[in-house]
Amino acid sequence: MSTVALIDDHESVRLGIEAACLRDGEQMIVFSGGTVKEYLAWRQTTGARPADVVVLDLTLGDGTTVTENVATLVADGASVVIHSVADRAAAVREALVAGAAGVVSKSSALEDVLDAIRTVARGDALNNVEWASAVDGDREFADAQLSTRERDVLRLYATGLPLKAVAERLGVAYSTAKENITRIRVKYVEVGRPAPTKVDLLRRAMEDGIVAPEGLTSAG
């Protein structure tokens, strides 16, 4: 029997999935709550093992991002199934880049949610053809066409290195590295994906697969 945690700030959603799992008999709900922080606190307090599968709402009301939540849960040892409304292709892409095993729509039947849980619990890939199509068609993620050097600068800068250290690492002048960052920002603006801050640049780098969440370095 696989263990399942439900993280959604709508109690009615959690209760519906919990009831379906109880009827199915193949899953044991070990946690039900509204935030990832609550789940981690439960783990620490009880000493429980990570749930086999965490069914995670795409957008929680505690101010956290989907990237933060998915990356935290995956690093903690759980597989993550995103439970999402169907019009959030941009956030879905973030979730998949951060390491989510797959996505199931909130408009899906409960049996489809159970199927997704079973599939991921077995370690199999979840069929996300519908979502992949939606993500690919999302204009927000138009390719910024960064050069190889620009991708290298973005990878180092966005994951925490000061621009001076980026220049030293790549063996270029500080002014050259700075010009690269300026061009990167311009290119993202041109495709409708502005990145005015360093945090925004990190988001773009993760969205485009230039940076993986587990590859982040500390600032400084």
Protein backbone atom coordinates (compact mmCIF):
# COMPACT_ATOMS: atom_id res chain seq x y z
CA MET A 1 0.00 0.00 0.00
CA SER A 2 1.41 3.38 -0.99
CA THR A 3 1.43 6.34 1.38
CA VAL A 4 -0.03 9.64 0.18
CA ALA A 5 0.09 13.20 1.49
CA LEU A 6 -2.44 15.81 0.39
CA ILE A 7 -1.38 19.46 0.33
CA ASP A 8 -4.12 21.84 -0.74
CA ASP A 9 -5.50 24.92 0.98
CA HIS A 10 -9.05 23.88 0.06
CA GLU A 11 -10.21 21.35 2.64
CA SER A 12 -13.07 20.15 0.45
CA VAL A 13 -10.60 19.08 -2.23
CA ARG A 14 -8.51 17.15 0.28
CA LEU A 15 -11.57 15.46 1.78
CA GLY A 16 -12.75 14.35 -1.66
CA ILE A 17 -9.43 12.73 -2.54
CA GLU A 18 -9.09 11.23 0.93
CA ALA A 19 -12.52 9.60 0.64
CA ALA A 20 -11.69 8.24 -2.81
CA CYS A 21 -8.42 6.75 -1.54
CA LEU A 22 -10.22 5.16 1.39
CA ARG A 23 -12.73 3.52 -0.95
CA ASP A 24 -9.97 2.37 -3.28
CA GLY A 25 -7.98 0.70 -0.52
CA GLU A 26 -4.63 0.91 -2.32
CA GLN A 27 -3.47 4.17 -0.75
CA MET A 28 -3.07 5.29 2.85
CA ILE A 29 -3.47 9.02 3.49
CA VAL A 30 -0.78 9.83 6.03
CA PHE A 31 -1.08 13.63 5.96
CA SER A 32 -3.64 16.20 4.90
CA GLY A 33 -2.93 19.91 5.21
CA GLY A 34 -2.72 23.30 3.56
CA THR A 35 1.01 23.99 3.21
CA VAL A 36 4.32 22.27 2.56
CA LYS A 37 5.59 23.77 5.82
CA GLU A 38 2.85 21.91 7.74
CA TYR A 39 3.78 18.67 6.00
CA LEU A 40 7.47 19.05 6.89
CA ALA A 41 6.58 19.92 10.48
CA TRP A 42 4.43 16.75 10.65
CA ARG A 43 7.36 14.71 9.34
CA GLN A 44 9.72 16.19 11.90
CA THR A 45 7.32 15.82 14.82
CA THR A 46 6.28 12.24 14.08
CA GLY A 47 9.49 10.95 12.55
CA ALA A 48 7.42 9.57 9.69
CA ARG A 49 9.04 8.62 6.40
CA PRO A 50 8.37 10.83 3.36
CA ALA A 51 5.06 10.01 1.69
CA ASP A 52 5.44 7.92 -1.45
CA VAL A 53 3.32 10.47 -3.33
CA VAL A 54 2.41 14.04 -2.46
CA VAL A 55 -0.64 15.42 -4.26
CA LEU A 56 0.12 19.15 -4.34
CA ASP A 57 -2.09 22.07 -5.26
CA LEU A 58 -0.39 24.17 -7.91
CA THR A 59 -0.94 27.45 -6.08
CA LEU A 60 -1.15 27.63 -2.30
CA GLY A 61 -2.33 30.66 -0.38
CA ASP A 62 0.74 31.02 1.86
CA GLY A 63 2.83 33.02 -0.58
CA THR A 64 5.09 30.16 -1.64
CA THR A 65 5.85 29.42 -5.29
CA VAL A 66 5.28 26.14 -7.08
CA THR A 67 9.02 25.89 -7.77
CA GLU A 68 9.82 26.21 -4.06
CA ASN A 69 7.19 23.70 -3.04
CA VAL A 70 7.99 21.04 -5.62
CA ALA A 71 11.75 21.33 -5.18
CA THR A 72 11.40 21.09 -1.38
CA LEU A 73 9.18 18.01 -1.53
CA VAL A 74 11.34 16.23 -4.09
CA ALA A 75 14.48 16.96 -2.07
CA ASP A 76 12.68 15.56 0.98
CA GLY A 77 12.16 12.26 -0.82
CA ALA A 78 8.59 12.31 -2.15
CA SER A 79 7.24 12.06 -5.68
CA VAL A 80 4.95 14.96 -6.49
CA VAL A 81 1.72 14.95 -8.49
CA ILE A 82 0.45 18.43 -9.22
CA HIS A 83 -3.32 18.88 -8.88
CA SER A 84 -4.11 21.91 -11.02
CA VAL A 85 -6.76 23.88 -12.80
CA ALA A 86 -6.46 23.60 -16.56
CA ASP A 87 -5.55 27.19 -17.41
CA ARG A 88 -2.22 27.50 -15.61
CA ALA A 89 0.20 26.26 -18.28
CA ALA A 90 2.94 28.67 -17.18
CA ALA A 91 2.90 27.49 -13.57
CA VAL A 92 2.61 23.86 -14.69
CA ARG A 93 5.81 24.24 -16.66
CA GLU A 94 7.52 25.61 -13.56
CA ALA A 95 6.33 22.59 -11.59
CA LEU A 96 7.61 20.10 -14.15
CA VAL A 97 10.97 21.87 -14.40
CA ALA A 98 11.23 21.78 -10.59
CA GLY A 99 10.82 17.99 -10.61
CA ALA A 100 7.11 17.16 -10.38
CA ALA A 101 6.34 13.66 -11.64
CA GLY A 102 3.26 14.80 -13.49
CA VAL A 103 0.04 16.76 -13.46
CA VAL A 104 -3.63 15.90 -13.12
CA SER A 105 -6.36 18.44 -13.71
CA LYS A 106 -8.77 19.46 -10.96
CA SER A 107 -11.53 18.97 -13.51
CA SER A 108 -10.60 15.28 -13.80
CA ALA A 109 -12.67 12.53 -12.22
CA LEU A 110 -11.43 11.27 -8.86
CA GLU A 111 -10.60 7.95 -10.50
CA ASP A 112 -8.15 9.78 -12.76
CA VAL A 113 -6.49 11.28 -9.69
CA LEU A 114 -6.23 7.79 -8.18
CA ASP A 115 -4.74 6.48 -11.43
CA ALA A 116 -2.13 9.23 -11.32
CA ILE A 117 -1.24 8.37 -7.73
CA ARG A 118 -0.97 4.66 -8.54
CA THR A 119 1.18 5.33 -11.59
CA VAL A 120 3.63 7.58 -9.78
CA ALA A 121 3.73 5.30 -6.72
CA ARG A 122 4.86 2.46 -9.02
CA GLY A 123 7.63 4.68 -10.30
CA ASP A 124 6.12 4.90 -13.77
CA ALA A 125 5.93 8.06 -15.86
CA LEU A 126 2.65 9.93 -15.86
CA ASN A 127 1.16 10.60 -19.29
CA ASN A 128 1.24 14.38 -19.60
CA VAL A 129 0.63 14.71 -23.33
CA GLU A 130 -2.30 17.09 -22.82
CA TRP A 131 -0.33 19.29 -20.47
CA ALA A 132 2.79 19.21 -22.64
CA SER A 133 0.71 20.50 -25.53
CA ALA A 134 -0.68 23.31 -23.39
CA VAL A 135 2.78 24.25 -22.15
CA ASP A 136 4.31 24.16 -25.62
CA GLY A 137 1.53 26.40 -26.87
CA ASP A 138 1.97 28.90 -24.06
CA ARG A 139 3.37 32.07 -25.61
CA GLU A 140 4.79 33.10 -22.26
CA PHE A 141 7.53 30.55 -22.87
CA ALA A 142 8.61 31.66 -26.32
CA ASP A 143 12.29 30.89 -26.86
CA ALA A 144 14.49 33.89 -26.04
CA GLN A 145 17.18 32.50 -28.40
CA LEU A 146 20.07 33.00 -26.00
CA SER A 147 23.59 32.40 -27.31
CA THR A 148 25.83 29.79 -25.68
CA ARG A 149 27.80 32.51 -23.89
CA GLU A 150 24.59 34.19 -22.70
CA ARG A 151 23.31 30.87 -21.35
CA ASP A 152 26.61 30.37 -19.48
CA VAL A 153 26.44 33.86 -17.98
CA LEU A 154 22.78 33.40 -17.01
CA ARG A 155 23.42 29.99 -15.44
CA LEU A 156 26.16 31.32 -13.15
CA TYR A 157 24.62 34.70 -12.36
CA ALA A 158 21.08 33.47 -11.72
CA THR A 159 22.22 30.76 -9.32
CA GLY A 160 23.98 33.13 -6.98
CA LEU A 161 27.38 34.28 -8.24
CA PRO A 162 28.06 38.04 -8.26
CA LEU A 163 28.59 39.38 -11.77
CA LYS A 164 32.29 39.98 -11.10
CA ALA A 165 32.73 36.32 -10.13
CA VAL A 166 30.82 35.26 -13.25
CA ALA A 167 33.22 37.26 -15.41
CA GLU A 168 36.24 35.72 -13.66
CA ARG A 169 34.81 32.20 -13.96
CA LEU A 170 34.26 32.62 -17.72
CA GLY A 171 37.49 34.53 -18.34
CA VAL A 172 35.82 37.65 -19.70
CA ALA A 173 35.82 41.31 -18.70
CA TYR A 174 33.29 42.49 -16.14
CA SER A 175 31.87 44.88 -18.76
CA THR A 176 31.36 41.95 -21.14
CA ALA A 177 29.45 39.95 -18.53
CA LYS A 178 27.34 43.00 -17.73
CA GLU A 179 26.54 43.50 -21.43
CA ASN A 180 25.50 39.85 -21.63
CA ILE A 181 23.04 40.27 -18.76
CA THR A 182 21.63 43.38 -20.42
CA ARG A 183 21.15 41.53 -23.73
CA ILE A 184 19.56 38.58 -21.91
CA ARG A 185 17.02 40.87 -20.28
CA VAL A 186 16.28 42.56 -23.60
CA LYS A 187 15.75 39.19 -25.32
CA TYR A 188 13.32 38.05 -22.62
CA VAL A 189 11.39 41.31 -22.91
CA GLU A 190 11.18 40.83 -26.69
CA VAL A 191 9.46 37.46 -26.28
CA GLY A 192 7.09 38.75 -23.59
CA ARG A 193 8.90 37.23 -20.62
CA PRO A 194 10.48 40.18 -18.79
CA ALA A 195 13.10 39.50 -16.11
CA PRO A 196 13.90 42.81 -14.40
CA THR A 197 15.35 41.28 -11.23
CA LYS A 198 17.85 38.54 -10.44
CA VAL A 199 15.04 36.41 -9.03
CA ASP A 200 13.16 36.81 -12.32
CA LEU A 201 16.28 35.74 -14.22
CA LEU A 202 16.49 32.62 -12.06
CA ARG A 203 12.85 31.82 -12.83
CA ARG A 204 13.48 32.20 -16.58
CA ALA A 205 16.60 30.04 -16.37
CA MET A 206 14.65 27.27 -14.60
CA GLU A 207 11.73 27.58 -17.01
CA ASP A 208 14.10 27.11 -19.95
CA GLY A 209 16.05 24.24 -18.41
CA ILE A 210 19.24 26.29 -18.12
CA VAL A 211 19.26 25.83 -14.34
CA ALA A 212 17.91 22.87 -12.38
CA PRO A 213 16.58 23.54 -8.86
CA GLU A 214 19.11 21.11 -7.34
CA GLY A 215 21.92 23.00 -9.12
CA LEU A 216 21.46 26.24 -7.17
CA THR A 217 24.52 27.73 -5.49
CA SER A 218 24.63 30.07 -2.55
CA ALA A 219 24.85 33.78 -3.21
CA GLY A 220 28.17 35.55 -2.76
